[in-house]
Amino acid sequence: GGDNGGGDNGGGDNGGGGSGGAADGAARPPLSAVLCSHPLPLVMVLRAAHGCALFAAFDLVPLWGMASRYAGGLALTEEQLGTSLAAGAVVQVVFTSLAMGRLVRRLGLHASLTAGCTAAALLTLCLLASPSATAERWWLRALGASLVYGLQTSAMLLAGTALVSMSNLLCARDPQRNGLLNGIVALTEGVGKMLGPALCAPALAWGLSARPAAEASPSGALLVFAAAAAFIGLIAAAALAALPRSLSNAAPSEVLSTPPPSEGEGGGVIRGEGALLDAGPLLRAGQAQPRALLAQPRALLAFFRGRRRGRVAGRPRVGPEAEASPPPREVQAVEVQEA
């Protein structure tokens, strides 16, 4: 009878655990509320618009480069156009490998987004306005176009890096659905990347045929490129006017709306299965001394491995997983002796 009573008491404990789990599930916000929480919808729209402008340039520049001088293009052959695009890719590789990371650390995410889009809008106009676009020798036209287009794409990549980092920080506010939220954001960006070439390539074809540079001023190509530059400028204006300044790599805890854990709570880990990391101290240390992390490869490796193990720099995990883990062996031994 005593054993049965004990079983009943145990069942009561289990029921309490079940009700606690139901309460946690009821307190969990719906997916629609998370998607509509500011400023995630704006960041999603900006990522879609950025992808639209980036992939539109992938079609506009080659088509403009192969168009005739009469229509307002560069009149490059396929081989000359390939050489020009390859030279522009070299500019992008140099920028992304040497300068982009330092710019993002120095400027922050918000300033990187606005500065990148502003520079990309101006460089889009420079493609047609540069003196090399009207040069007689093909290699001068190809060289000028490759240099300007490489810088334009580099500026777009700088802004894109800032947008992706912002969306990652915002999606991490819900660690349990972090992957789902990132997938939805990437889907919206994919729609923008689909619409960019689908809309801009026919518009450029119409502009080259309806308003050739030899007969109309401004030419159709200039109007299309000016519209693309204005669209990129709108992205910078929307980011400057509506995105909060706290949405930056220098203050991720403010962005995530999660109180930073104290030193006694094993700070550095935010609760949940996703093992969300409070990277504020690490990023601030990286800003103050960019080479400090590279000087301690073991500590850096332990930091990134801590996401999977639930530990950061040797600190124990906290949250539901830690509460469900068994006690240490010494405590078990004491309980057995007392029993």
C-alpha atoms as a PDB file:
ATOM      1  CA  GLY A   1       0.000   0.000   0.000  1.00  0.00           C
ATOM      2  CA  GLY A   2       2.855   2.344   0.777  1.00  0.00           C
ATOM      3  CA  ASP A   3       4.408   1.619  -2.577  1.00  0.00           C
ATOM      4  CA  ASN A   4       1.120   2.346  -4.312  1.00  0.00           C
ATOM      5  CA  GLY A   5       0.767   5.587  -2.434  1.00  0.00           C
ATOM      6  CA  GLY A   6       4.252   6.532  -3.450  1.00  0.00           C
ATOM      7  CA  GLY A   7       3.342   5.749  -7.044  1.00  0.00           C
ATOM      8  CA  ASP A   8       0.311   8.002  -6.767  1.00  0.00           C
ATOM      9  CA  ASN A   9       2.454  10.814  -5.453  1.00  0.00           C
ATOM     10  CA  GLY A  10       4.869  10.256  -8.313  1.00  0.00           C
ATOM     11  CA  GLY A  11       1.984  10.421 -10.750  1.00  0.00           C
ATOM     12  CA  GLY A  12       1.004  13.750  -9.226  1.00  0.00           C
ATOM     13  CA  ASP A  13       4.517  15.049  -9.836  1.00  0.00           C
ATOM     14  CA  ASN A  14       4.374  13.868 -13.416  1.00  0.00           C
ATOM     15  CA  GLY A  15       1.041  15.600 -13.896  1.00  0.00           C
ATOM     16  CA  GLY A  16       2.521  18.777 -12.529  1.00  0.00           C
ATOM     17  CA  GLY A  17       5.372  18.519 -15.015  1.00  0.00           C
ATOM     18  CA  GLY A  18       2.874  18.022 -17.832  1.00  0.00           C
ATOM     19  CA  SER A  19       0.887  21.086 -16.804  1.00  0.00           C
ATOM     20  CA  GLY A  20       4.103  23.084 -16.617  1.00  0.00           C
ATOM     21  CA  GLY A  21       4.977  22.021 -20.153  1.00  0.00           C
ATOM     22  CA  ALA A  22       1.488  23.011 -21.315  1.00  0.00           C
ATOM     23  CA  ALA A  23       1.900  26.387 -19.662  1.00  0.00           C
ATOM     24  CA  ASP A  24       5.212  26.901 -21.457  1.00  0.00           C
ATOM     25  CA  GLY A  25       3.575  25.988 -24.753  1.00  0.00           C
ATOM     26  CA  ALA A  26       0.693  28.380 -24.091  1.00  0.00           C
ATOM     27  CA  ALA A  27       3.119  31.221 -23.280  1.00  0.00           C
ATOM     28  CA  ARG A  28       5.005  30.674 -26.514  1.00  0.00           C
ATOM     29  CA  PRO A  29       4.098  33.462 -28.982  1.00  0.00           C
ATOM     30  CA  PRO A  30       2.571  32.422 -32.306  1.00  0.00           C
ATOM     31  CA  LEU A  31       4.689  32.455 -35.431  1.00  0.00           C
ATOM     32  CA  SER A  32       2.713  35.315 -36.937  1.00  0.00           C
ATOM     33  CA  ALA A  33       3.429  37.495 -33.905  1.00  0.00           C
ATOM     34  CA  VAL A  34       7.156  36.793 -34.164  1.00  0.00           C
ATOM     35  CA  LEU A  35       7.180  37.582 -37.895  1.00  0.00           C
ATOM     36  CA  CYS A  36       5.315  40.849 -37.311  1.00  0.00           C
ATOM     37  CA  SER A  37       7.543  42.026 -34.460  1.00  0.00           C
ATOM     38  CA  HIS A  38       9.412  45.216 -35.359  1.00  0.00           C
ATOM     39  CA  PRO A  39      11.777  45.535 -37.153  1.00  0.00           C
ATOM     40  CA  LEU A  40      11.783  42.024 -38.668  1.00  0.00           C
ATOM     41  CA  PRO A  41       9.157  42.777 -41.374  1.00  0.00           C
ATOM     42  CA  LEU A  42      11.162  45.794 -42.558  1.00  0.00           C
ATOM     43  CA  VAL A  43      14.379  43.786 -42.656  1.00  0.00           C
ATOM     44  CA  MET A  44      12.625  41.097 -44.694  1.00  0.00           C
ATOM     45  CA  VAL A  45      11.399  43.694 -47.208  1.00  0.00           C
ATOM     46  CA  LEU A  46      14.841  45.266 -47.410  1.00  0.00           C
ATOM     47  CA  ARG A  47      16.473  41.887 -48.028  1.00  0.00           C
ATOM     48  CA  ALA A  48      14.004  41.180 -50.830  1.00  0.00           C
ATOM     49  CA  ALA A  49      14.598  44.627 -52.355  1.00  0.00           C
ATOM     50  CA  HIS A  50      18.368  44.217 -52.044  1.00  0.00           C
ATOM     51  CA  GLY A  51      18.252  40.824 -53.734  1.00  0.00           C
ATOM     52  CA  CYS A  52      16.076  42.287 -56.496  1.00  0.00           C
ATOM     53  CA  ALA A  53      18.588  45.088 -57.185  1.00  0.00           C
ATOM     54  CA  LEU A  54      21.618  42.804 -56.969  1.00  0.00           C
ATOM     55  CA  PHE A  55      20.298  40.196 -59.384  1.00  0.00           C
ATOM     56  CA  ALA A  56      18.910  42.877 -61.698  1.00  0.00           C
ATOM     57  CA  ALA A  57      22.452  44.206 -62.139  1.00  0.00           C
ATOM     58  CA  PHE A  58      23.602  40.695 -63.056  1.00  0.00           C
ATOM     59  CA  ASP A  59      21.446  41.033 -66.192  1.00  0.00           C
ATOM     60  CA  LEU A  60      21.571  44.763 -66.844  1.00  0.00           C
ATOM     61  CA  VAL A  61      25.333  45.147 -67.070  1.00  0.00           C
ATOM     62  CA  PRO A  62      26.036  42.256 -69.501  1.00  0.00           C
ATOM     63  CA  LEU A  63      23.112  43.203 -71.745  1.00  0.00           C
ATOM     64  CA  TRP A  64      24.197  46.837 -71.774  1.00  0.00           C
ATOM     65  CA  GLY A  65      27.783  45.792 -72.481  1.00  0.00           C
ATOM     66  CA  MET A  66      26.783  43.811 -75.579  1.00  0.00           C
ATOM     67  CA  ALA A  67      24.365  46.447 -76.928  1.00  0.00           C
ATOM     68  CA  SER A  68      25.482  48.517 -79.900  1.00  0.00           C
ATOM     69  CA  ARG A  69      26.961  51.999 -79.619  1.00  0.00           C
ATOM     70  CA  TYR A  70      23.947  53.280 -81.537  1.00  0.00           C
ATOM     71  CA  ALA A  71      21.582  51.992 -78.841  1.00  0.00           C
ATOM     72  CA  GLY A  72      23.764  53.271 -76.015  1.00  0.00           C
ATOM     73  CA  GLY A  73      25.766  50.160 -75.085  1.00  0.00           C
ATOM     74  CA  LEU A  74      29.468  49.323 -75.133  1.00  0.00           C
ATOM     75  CA  ALA A  75      29.407  47.111 -78.257  1.00  0.00           C
ATOM     76  CA  LEU A  76      31.583  44.411 -76.659  1.00  0.00           C
ATOM     77  CA  THR A  77      31.928  40.947 -78.096  1.00  0.00           C
ATOM     78  CA  GLU A  78      31.339  37.854 -75.986  1.00  0.00           C
ATOM     79  CA  GLU A  79      35.063  37.396 -75.335  1.00  0.00           C
ATOM     80  CA  GLN A  80      35.546  41.065 -74.457  1.00  0.00           C
ATOM     81  CA  LEU A  81      32.519  41.027 -72.169  1.00  0.00           C
ATOM     82  CA  GLY A  82      33.760  37.896 -70.409  1.00  0.00           C
ATOM     83  CA  THR A  83      37.149  39.520 -69.839  1.00  0.00           C
ATOM     84  CA  SER A  84      35.484  42.627 -68.431  1.00  0.00           C
ATOM     85  CA  LEU A  85      33.285  40.645 -66.041  1.00  0.00           C
ATOM     86  CA  ALA A  86      36.266  38.568 -64.902  1.00  0.00           C
ATOM     87  CA  ALA A  87      38.202  41.731 -64.092  1.00  0.00           C
ATOM     88  CA  GLY A  88      35.218  42.993 -62.098  1.00  0.00           C
ATOM     89  CA  ALA A  89      35.141  39.720 -60.173  1.00  0.00           C
ATOM     90  CA  VAL A  90      38.777  40.268 -59.184  1.00  0.00           C
ATOM     91  CA  VAL A  91      37.804  43.625 -57.683  1.00  0.00           C
ATOM     92  CA  GLN A  92      35.041  41.929 -55.697  1.00  0.00           C
ATOM     93  CA  VAL A  93      37.372  39.219 -54.383  1.00  0.00           C
ATOM     94  CA  VAL A  94      39.918  41.794 -53.214  1.00  0.00           C
ATOM     95  CA  PHE A  95      37.246  43.856 -51.474  1.00  0.00           C
ATOM     96  CA  THR A  96      35.477  40.977 -49.735  1.00  0.00           C
ATOM     97  CA  SER A  97      38.697  39.338 -48.551  1.00  0.00           C
ATOM     98  CA  LEU A  98      40.549  42.435 -47.347  1.00  0.00           C
ATOM     99  CA  ALA A  99      38.193  45.329 -46.684  1.00  0.00           C
ATOM    100  CA  MET A 100      34.606  44.208 -46.104  1.00  0.00           C
ATOM    101  CA  GLY A 101      35.099  42.572 -42.707  1.00  0.00           C
ATOM    102  CA  ARG A 102      37.006  45.559 -41.377  1.00  0.00           C
ATOM    103  CA  LEU A 103      34.369  47.971 -42.646  1.00  0.00           C
ATOM    104  CA  VAL A 104      31.539  46.045 -40.996  1.00  0.00           C
ATOM    105  CA  ARG A 105      33.420  45.960 -37.679  1.00  0.00           C
ATOM    106  CA  ARG A 106      34.268  49.654 -37.822  1.00  0.00           C
ATOM    107  CA  LEU A 107      30.988  51.032 -39.148  1.00  0.00           C
ATOM    108  CA  GLY A 108      28.515  48.578 -37.609  1.00  0.00           C
ATOM    109  CA  LEU A 109      25.595  46.909 -39.340  1.00  0.00           C
ATOM    110  CA  HIS A 110      23.350  49.957 -39.664  1.00  0.00           C
ATOM    111  CA  ALA A 111      26.012  52.232 -41.135  1.00  0.00           C
ATOM    112  CA  SER A 112      27.317  49.449 -43.392  1.00  0.00           C
ATOM    113  CA  LEU A 113      23.857  48.992 -44.887  1.00  0.00           C
ATOM    114  CA  THR A 114      23.226  52.666 -45.575  1.00  0.00           C
ATOM    115  CA  ALA A 115      26.742  53.384 -46.800  1.00  0.00           C
ATOM    116  CA  GLY A 116      26.807  50.312 -49.055  1.00  0.00           C
ATOM    117  CA  CYS A 117      23.462  51.099 -50.700  1.00  0.00           C
ATOM    118  CA  THR A 118      24.326  54.784 -51.131  1.00  0.00           C
ATOM    119  CA  ALA A 119      27.652  53.956 -52.773  1.00  0.00           C
ATOM    120  CA  ALA A 120      26.016  51.314 -54.978  1.00  0.00           C
ATOM    121  CA  ALA A 121      23.381  53.795 -56.186  1.00  0.00           C
ATOM    122  CA  LEU A 122      26.022  56.351 -57.163  1.00  0.00           C
ATOM    123  CA  LEU A 123      28.194  53.746 -58.874  1.00  0.00           C
ATOM    124  CA  THR A 124      25.197  52.490 -60.877  1.00  0.00           C
ATOM    125  CA  LEU A 125      24.897  55.952 -62.412  1.00  0.00           C
ATOM    126  CA  CYS A 126      28.654  56.104 -62.988  1.00  0.00           C
ATOM    127  CA  LEU A 127      28.448  53.054 -65.267  1.00  0.00           C
ATOM    128  CA  LEU A 128      26.910  55.163 -68.038  1.00  0.00           C
ATOM    129  CA  ALA A 129      28.317  58.546 -67.023  1.00  0.00           C
ATOM    130  CA  SER A 130      31.992  57.525 -66.890  1.00  0.00           C
ATOM    131  CA  PRO A 131      34.196  58.846 -69.738  1.00  0.00           C
ATOM    132  CA  SER A 132      35.361  55.310 -70.552  1.00  0.00           C
ATOM    133  CA  ALA A 133      31.821  54.399 -71.692  1.00  0.00           C
ATOM    134  CA  THR A 134      32.320  56.541 -74.822  1.00  0.00           C
ATOM    135  CA  ALA A 135      35.956  55.629 -75.523  1.00  0.00           C
ATOM    136  CA  GLU A 136      36.871  54.442 -79.012  1.00  0.00           C
ATOM    137  CA  ARG A 137      39.043  51.515 -77.968  1.00  0.00           C
ATOM    138  CA  TRP A 138      37.168  48.508 -76.649  1.00  0.00           C
ATOM    139  CA  TRP A 139      39.612  47.714 -73.877  1.00  0.00           C
ATOM    140  CA  LEU A 140      39.129  51.189 -72.375  1.00  0.00           C
ATOM    141  CA  ARG A 141      35.373  50.690 -72.366  1.00  0.00           C
ATOM    142  CA  ALA A 142      35.711  47.211 -70.906  1.00  0.00           C
ATOM    143  CA  LEU A 143      38.240  48.306 -68.264  1.00  0.00           C
ATOM    144  CA  GLY A 144      36.148  51.238 -67.079  1.00  0.00           C
ATOM    145  CA  ALA A 145      32.982  49.138 -66.927  1.00  0.00           C
ATOM    146  CA  SER A 146      34.703  46.311 -65.050  1.00  0.00           C
ATOM    147  CA  LEU A 147      36.181  48.659 -62.446  1.00  0.00           C
ATOM    148  CA  VAL A 148      32.928  50.528 -61.783  1.00  0.00           C
ATOM    149  CA  TYR A 149      30.813  47.365 -61.851  1.00  0.00           C
ATOM    150  CA  GLY A 150      33.207  45.592 -59.482  1.00  0.00           C
ATOM    151  CA  LEU A 151      32.977  48.460 -57.011  1.00  0.00           C
ATOM    152  CA  GLN A 152      29.195  48.606 -57.378  1.00  0.00           C
ATOM    153  CA  THR A 153      28.818  44.900 -56.654  1.00  0.00           C
ATOM    154  CA  SER A 154      31.228  45.187 -53.717  1.00  0.00           C
ATOM    155  CA  ALA A 155      29.102  47.950 -52.200  1.00  0.00           C
ATOM    156  CA  MET A 156      25.993  45.798 -52.660  1.00  0.00           C
ATOM    157  CA  LEU A 157      27.743  42.875 -50.969  1.00  0.00           C
ATOM    158  CA  LEU A 158      28.636  45.126 -48.027  1.00  0.00           C
ATOM    159  CA  ALA A 159      24.988  46.102 -47.627  1.00  0.00           C
ATOM    160  CA  GLY A 160      23.870  42.495 -48.088  1.00  0.00           C
ATOM    161  CA  THR A 161      26.206  41.289 -45.357  1.00  0.00           C
ATOM    162  CA  ALA A 162      24.728  43.833 -42.966  1.00  0.00           C
ATOM    163  CA  LEU A 163      21.165  42.809 -43.861  1.00  0.00           C
ATOM    164  CA  VAL A 164      21.853  39.091 -43.398  1.00  0.00           C
ATOM    165  CA  SER A 165      23.456  39.772 -40.010  1.00  0.00           C
ATOM    166  CA  MET A 166      20.468  41.865 -38.951  1.00  0.00           C
ATOM    167  CA  SER A 167      17.978  39.194 -39.922  1.00  0.00           C
ATOM    168  CA  ASN A 168      20.007  36.539 -38.108  1.00  0.00           C
ATOM    169  CA  LEU A 169      19.996  38.609 -34.926  1.00  0.00           C
ATOM    170  CA  LEU A 170      16.258  39.218 -35.143  1.00  0.00           C
ATOM    171  CA  CYS A 171      15.396  35.598 -35.916  1.00  0.00           C
ATOM    172  CA  ALA A 172      17.476  34.521 -32.918  1.00  0.00           C
ATOM    173  CA  ARG A 173      14.936  36.144 -30.589  1.00  0.00           C
ATOM    174  CA  ASP A 174      13.014  32.854 -30.886  1.00  0.00           C
ATOM    175  CA  PRO A 175      15.705  30.156 -30.531  1.00  0.00           C
ATOM    176  CA  GLN A 176      13.244  27.272 -30.929  1.00  0.00           C
ATOM    177  CA  ARG A 177      12.148  28.538 -34.369  1.00  0.00           C
ATOM    178  CA  ASN A 178      15.373  30.190 -35.449  1.00  0.00           C
ATOM    179  CA  GLY A 179      15.824  27.957 -38.486  1.00  0.00           C
ATOM    180  CA  LEU A 180      12.193  28.340 -39.577  1.00  0.00           C
ATOM    181  CA  LEU A 181      12.348  32.125 -39.329  1.00  0.00           C
ATOM    182  CA  ASN A 182      15.599  32.284 -41.293  1.00  0.00           C
ATOM    183  CA  GLY A 183      14.035  30.081 -43.950  1.00  0.00           C
ATOM    184  CA  ILE A 184      11.049  32.434 -44.287  1.00  0.00           C
ATOM    185  CA  VAL A 185      13.380  35.427 -44.567  1.00  0.00           C
ATOM    186  CA  ALA A 186      15.462  33.656 -47.217  1.00  0.00           C
ATOM    187  CA  LEU A 187      12.262  32.818 -49.118  1.00  0.00           C
ATOM    188  CA  THR A 188      11.266  36.467 -49.305  1.00  0.00           C
ATOM    189  CA  GLU A 189      14.764  37.349 -50.492  1.00  0.00           C
ATOM    190  CA  GLY A 190      14.507  34.650 -53.168  1.00  0.00           C
ATOM    191  CA  VAL A 191      11.297  36.216 -54.462  1.00  0.00           C
ATOM    192  CA  GLY A 192      13.114  39.528 -54.841  1.00  0.00           C
ATOM    193  CA  LYS A 193      16.000  37.859 -56.654  1.00  0.00           C
ATOM    194  CA  MET A 194      13.500  36.276 -59.030  1.00  0.00           C
ATOM    195  CA  LEU A 195      11.739  39.566 -59.788  1.00  0.00           C
ATOM    196  CA  GLY A 196      14.915  41.566 -60.424  1.00  0.00           C
ATOM    197  CA  PRO A 197      16.021  39.978 -63.717  1.00  0.00           C
ATOM    198  CA  ALA A 198      12.418  39.272 -64.766  1.00  0.00           C
ATOM    199  CA  LEU A 199      11.538  42.978 -64.637  1.00  0.00           C
ATOM    200  CA  CYS A 200      14.759  44.808 -65.454  1.00  0.00           C
ATOM    201  CA  ALA A 201      15.945  42.815 -68.487  1.00  0.00           C
ATOM    202  CA  PRO A 202      12.755  43.489 -70.507  1.00  0.00           C
ATOM    203  CA  ALA A 203      12.832  47.117 -69.368  1.00  0.00           C
ATOM    204  CA  LEU A 204      16.386  47.516 -70.663  1.00  0.00           C
ATOM    205  CA  ALA A 205      15.467  45.850 -73.965  1.00  0.00           C
ATOM    206  CA  TRP A 206      12.598  48.288 -74.367  1.00  0.00           C
ATOM    207  CA  GLY A 207      14.795  51.261 -73.498  1.00  0.00           C
ATOM    208  CA  LEU A 208      17.526  50.301 -75.962  1.00  0.00           C
ATOM    209  CA  SER A 209      15.064  49.845 -78.804  1.00  0.00           C
ATOM    210  CA  ALA A 210      12.601  52.661 -78.073  1.00  0.00           C
ATOM    211  CA  ARG A 211      15.106  55.352 -77.053  1.00  0.00           C
ATOM    212  CA  PRO A 212      18.525  54.633 -78.605  1.00  0.00           C
ATOM    213  CA  ALA A 213      21.312  56.947 -77.527  1.00  0.00           C
ATOM    214  CA  ALA A 214      21.885  58.187 -81.068  1.00  0.00           C
ATOM    215  CA  GLU A 215      18.331  59.479 -81.401  1.00  0.00           C
ATOM    216  CA  ALA A 216      16.990  60.309 -77.941  1.00  0.00           C
ATOM    217  CA  SER A 217      18.295  62.141 -74.926  1.00  0.00           C
ATOM    218  CA  PRO A 218      18.233  60.892 -72.262  1.00  0.00           C
ATOM    219  CA  SER A 219      18.662  57.444 -73.704  1.00  0.00           C
ATOM    220  CA  GLY A 220      16.593  54.470 -72.686  1.00  0.00           C
ATOM    221  CA  ALA A 221      19.630  52.779 -71.110  1.00  0.00           C
ATOM    222  CA  LEU A 222      20.267  55.868 -68.980  1.00  0.00           C
ATOM    223  CA  LEU A 223      16.658  55.914 -67.807  1.00  0.00           C
ATOM    224  CA  VAL A 224      16.738  52.233 -66.821  1.00  0.00           C
ATOM    225  CA  PHE A 225      20.019  52.569 -64.935  1.00  0.00           C
ATOM    226  CA  ALA A 226      18.762  55.748 -63.237  1.00  0.00           C
ATOM    227  CA  ALA A 227      15.644  53.868 -62.094  1.00  0.00           C
ATOM    228  CA  ALA A 228      17.831  51.055 -60.717  1.00  0.00           C
ATOM    229  CA  ALA A 229      19.999  53.600 -58.876  1.00  0.00           C
ATOM    230  CA  ALA A 230      16.916  55.283 -57.415  1.00  0.00           C
ATOM    231  CA  PHE A 231      15.594  51.922 -56.232  1.00  0.00           C
ATOM    232  CA  ILE A 232      18.867  51.181 -54.426  1.00  0.00           C
ATOM    233  CA  GLY A 233      18.787  54.668 -52.930  1.00  0.00           C
ATOM    234  CA  LEU A 234      15.309  53.955 -51.553  1.00  0.00           C
ATOM    235  CA  ILE A 235      16.738  50.965 -49.679  1.00  0.00           C
ATOM    236  CA  ALA A 236      19.315  53.212 -48.038  1.00  0.00           C
ATOM    237  CA  ALA A 237      16.668  55.830 -47.201  1.00  0.00           C
ATOM    238  CA  ALA A 238      14.318  53.250 -45.669  1.00  0.00           C
ATOM    239  CA  ALA A 239      17.128  51.798 -43.575  1.00  0.00           C
ATOM    240  CA  LEU A 240      18.229  55.240 -42.428  1.00  0.00           C
ATOM    241  CA  ALA A 241      14.702  56.364 -41.520  1.00  0.00           C
ATOM    242  CA  ALA A 242      13.076  53.252 -40.057  1.00  0.00           C
ATOM    243  CA  LEU A 243      15.689  50.821 -38.772  1.00  0.00           C
ATOM    244  CA  PRO A 244      16.722  51.331 -35.132  1.00  0.00           C
ATOM    245  CA  ARG A 245      20.302  52.360 -34.503  1.00  0.00           C
ATOM    246  CA  SER A 246      20.600  49.663 -31.825  1.00  0.00           C
ATOM    247  CA  LEU A 247      20.345  47.022 -34.553  1.00  0.00           C
ATOM    248  CA  SER A 248      24.081  46.650 -34.884  1.00  0.00           C
ATOM    249  CA  ASN A 249      26.860  44.216 -34.117  1.00  0.00           C
ATOM    250  CA  ALA A 250      27.960  46.311 -31.118  1.00  0.00           C
ATOM    251  CA  ALA A 251      24.779  45.683 -29.102  1.00  0.00           C
ATOM    252  CA  PRO A 252      23.203  42.311 -29.885  1.00  0.00           C
ATOM    253  CA  SER A 253      21.646  41.946 -26.413  1.00  0.00           C
ATOM    254  CA  GLU A 254      19.527  45.066 -26.950  1.00  0.00           C
ATOM    255  CA  VAL A 255      18.399  43.813 -30.335  1.00  0.00           C
ATOM    256  CA  LEU A 256      17.367  40.425 -29.036  1.00  0.00           C
ATOM    257  CA  SER A 257      15.308  42.025 -26.248  1.00  0.00           C
ATOM    258  CA  THR A 258      16.773  39.501 -23.817  1.00  0.00           C
ATOM    259  CA  PRO A 259      18.224  40.639 -20.465  1.00  0.00           C
ATOM    260  CA  PRO A 260      21.914  39.791 -20.362  1.00  0.00           C
ATOM    261  CA  PRO A 261      22.700  37.024 -17.841  1.00  0.00           C
ATOM    262  CA  SER A 262      24.681  37.912 -14.770  1.00  0.00           C
ATOM    263  CA  GLU A 263      28.116  36.518 -14.029  1.00  0.00           C
ATOM    264  CA  GLY A 264      26.673  34.014 -11.584  1.00  0.00           C
ATOM    265  CA  GLU A 265      24.299  32.625 -14.169  1.00  0.00           C
ATOM    266  CA  GLY A 266      27.004  31.536 -16.570  1.00  0.00           C
ATOM    267  CA  GLY A 267      26.642  34.581 -18.823  1.00  0.00           C
ATOM    268  CA  GLY A 268      27.197  34.089 -22.469  1.00  0.00           C
ATOM    269  CA  VAL A 269      24.361  31.601 -23.116  1.00  0.00           C
ATOM    270  CA  ILE A 270      20.685  32.405 -23.583  1.00  0.00           C
ATOM    271  CA  ARG A 271      18.297  29.634 -22.652  1.00  0.00           C
ATOM    272  CA  GLY A 272      16.812  27.247 -25.135  1.00  0.00           C
ATOM    273  CA  GLU A 273      17.638  24.358 -27.366  1.00  0.00           C
ATOM    274  CA  GLY A 274      19.073  26.708 -29.963  1.00  0.00           C
ATOM    275  CA  ALA A 275      21.866  27.716 -27.526  1.00  0.00           C
ATOM    276  CA  LEU A 276      21.622  31.375 -28.575  1.00  0.00           C
ATOM    277  CA  LEU A 277      24.838  33.206 -27.836  1.00  0.00           C
ATOM    278  CA  ASP A 278      25.256  36.674 -26.384  1.00  0.00           C
ATOM    279  CA  ALA A 279      28.166  37.734 -28.574  1.00  0.00           C
ATOM    280  CA  GLY A 280      28.398  41.284 -27.242  1.00  0.00           C
ATOM    281  CA  PRO A 281      31.635  40.883 -25.238  1.00  0.00           C
ATOM    282  CA  LEU A 282      33.271  38.913 -28.043  1.00  0.00           C
ATOM    283  CA  LEU A 283      32.363  41.485 -30.695  1.00  0.00           C
ATOM    284  CA  ARG A 284      33.400  44.377 -28.516  1.00  0.00           C
ATOM    285  CA  ALA A 285      36.731  42.677 -27.881  1.00  0.00           C
ATOM    286  CA  GLY A 286      37.097  42.117 -31.609  1.00  0.00           C
ATOM    287  CA  GLN A 287      36.418  45.784 -32.305  1.00  0.00           C
ATOM    288  CA  ALA A 288      38.950  46.953 -29.762  1.00  0.00           C
ATOM    289  CA  GLN A 289      41.640  44.460 -30.793  1.00  0.00           C
ATOM    290  CA  PRO A 290      40.924  42.793 -34.148  1.00  0.00           C
ATOM    291  CA  ARG A 291      43.789  40.315 -33.717  1.00  0.00           C
ATOM    292  CA  ALA A 292      43.023  39.412 -30.098  1.00  0.00           C
ATOM    293  CA  LEU A 293      40.888  36.412 -30.999  1.00  0.00           C
ATOM    294  CA  LEU A 294      43.433  35.043 -33.440  1.00  0.00           C
ATOM    295  CA  ALA A 295      46.043  35.095 -30.661  1.00  0.00           C
ATOM    296  CA  GLN A 296      44.012  32.540 -28.715  1.00  0.00           C
ATOM    297  CA  PRO A 297      42.938  29.858 -31.204  1.00  0.00           C
ATOM    298  CA  ARG A 298      41.923  27.380 -28.509  1.00  0.00           C
ATOM    299  CA  ALA A 299      39.578  29.867 -26.818  1.00  0.00           C
ATOM    300  CA  LEU A 300      38.062  30.820 -30.189  1.00  0.00           C
ATOM    301  CA  LEU A 301      37.532  27.169 -31.116  1.00  0.00           C
ATOM    302  CA  ALA A 302      35.912  26.483 -27.738  1.00  0.00           C
ATOM    303  CA  PHE A 303      33.601  29.465 -28.227  1.00  0.00           C
ATOM    304  CA  PHE A 304      32.217  28.205 -31.551  1.00  0.00           C
ATOM    305  CA  ARG A 305      32.010  24.603 -30.361  1.00  0.00           C
ATOM    306  CA  GLY A 306      30.059  25.794 -27.338  1.00  0.00           C
ATOM    307  CA  ARG A 307      26.955  26.317 -29.482  1.00  0.00           C
ATOM    308  CA  ARG A 308      26.618  22.563 -30.007  1.00  0.00           C
ATOM    309  CA  ARG A 309      27.681  21.483 -26.529  1.00  0.00           C
ATOM    310  CA  GLY A 310      25.630  24.152 -24.752  1.00  0.00           C
ATOM    311  CA  ARG A 311      28.788  25.687 -23.281  1.00  0.00           C
ATOM    312  CA  VAL A 312      30.649  28.907 -23.967  1.00  0.00           C
ATOM    313  CA  ALA A 313      34.283  29.109 -22.938  1.00  0.00           C
ATOM    314  CA  GLY A 314      33.843  26.340 -20.387  1.00  0.00           C
ATOM    315  CA  ARG A 315      30.726  27.763 -18.742  1.00  0.00           C
ATOM    316  CA  PRO A 316      27.875  25.336 -18.039  1.00  0.00           C
ATOM    317  CA  ARG A 317      24.642  25.494 -20.032  1.00  0.00           C
ATOM    318  CA  VAL A 318      21.571  26.979 -18.435  1.00  0.00           C
ATOM    319  CA  GLY A 319      17.857  26.637 -19.052  1.00  0.00           C
ATOM    320  CA  PRO A 320      15.529  23.665 -19.482  1.00  0.00           C
ATOM    321  CA  GLU A 321      18.262  21.333 -20.736  1.00  0.00           C
ATOM    322  CA  ALA A 322      20.394  21.989 -17.691  1.00  0.00           C
ATOM    323  CA  GLU A 323      17.423  21.481 -15.366  1.00  0.00           C
ATOM    324  CA  ALA A 324      16.637  18.127 -16.985  1.00  0.00           C
ATOM    325  CA  SER A 325      20.226  16.866 -16.788  1.00  0.00           C
ATOM    326  CA  PRO A 326      21.093  14.404 -13.990  1.00  0.00           C
ATOM    327  CA  PRO A 327      22.944  15.662 -10.920  1.00  0.00           C
ATOM    328  CA  PRO A 328      26.669  14.989 -10.499  1.00  0.00           C
ATOM    329  CA  ARG A 329      27.845  11.585  -9.331  1.00  0.00           C
ATOM    330  CA  GLU A 330      28.890  12.831  -5.902  1.00  0.00           C
ATOM    331  CA  VAL A 331      25.351  14.083  -5.219  1.00  0.00           C
ATOM    332  CA  GLN A 332      23.865  10.751  -6.351  1.00  0.00           C
ATOM    333  CA  ALA A 333      26.142   8.864  -3.982  1.00  0.00           C
ATOM    334  CA  VAL A 334      25.077  11.000  -1.033  1.00  0.00           C
ATOM    335  CA  GLU A 335      21.396  10.450  -1.843  1.00  0.00           C
ATOM    336  CA  VAL A 336      21.922   6.693  -1.995  1.00  0.00           C
ATOM    337  CA  GLN A 337      23.651   6.642   1.390  1.00  0.00           C
ATOM    338  CA  GLU A 338      20.897   8.719   2.973  1.00  0.00           C
ATOM    339  CA  ALA A 339      18.225   6.439   1.508  1.00  0.00           C
END
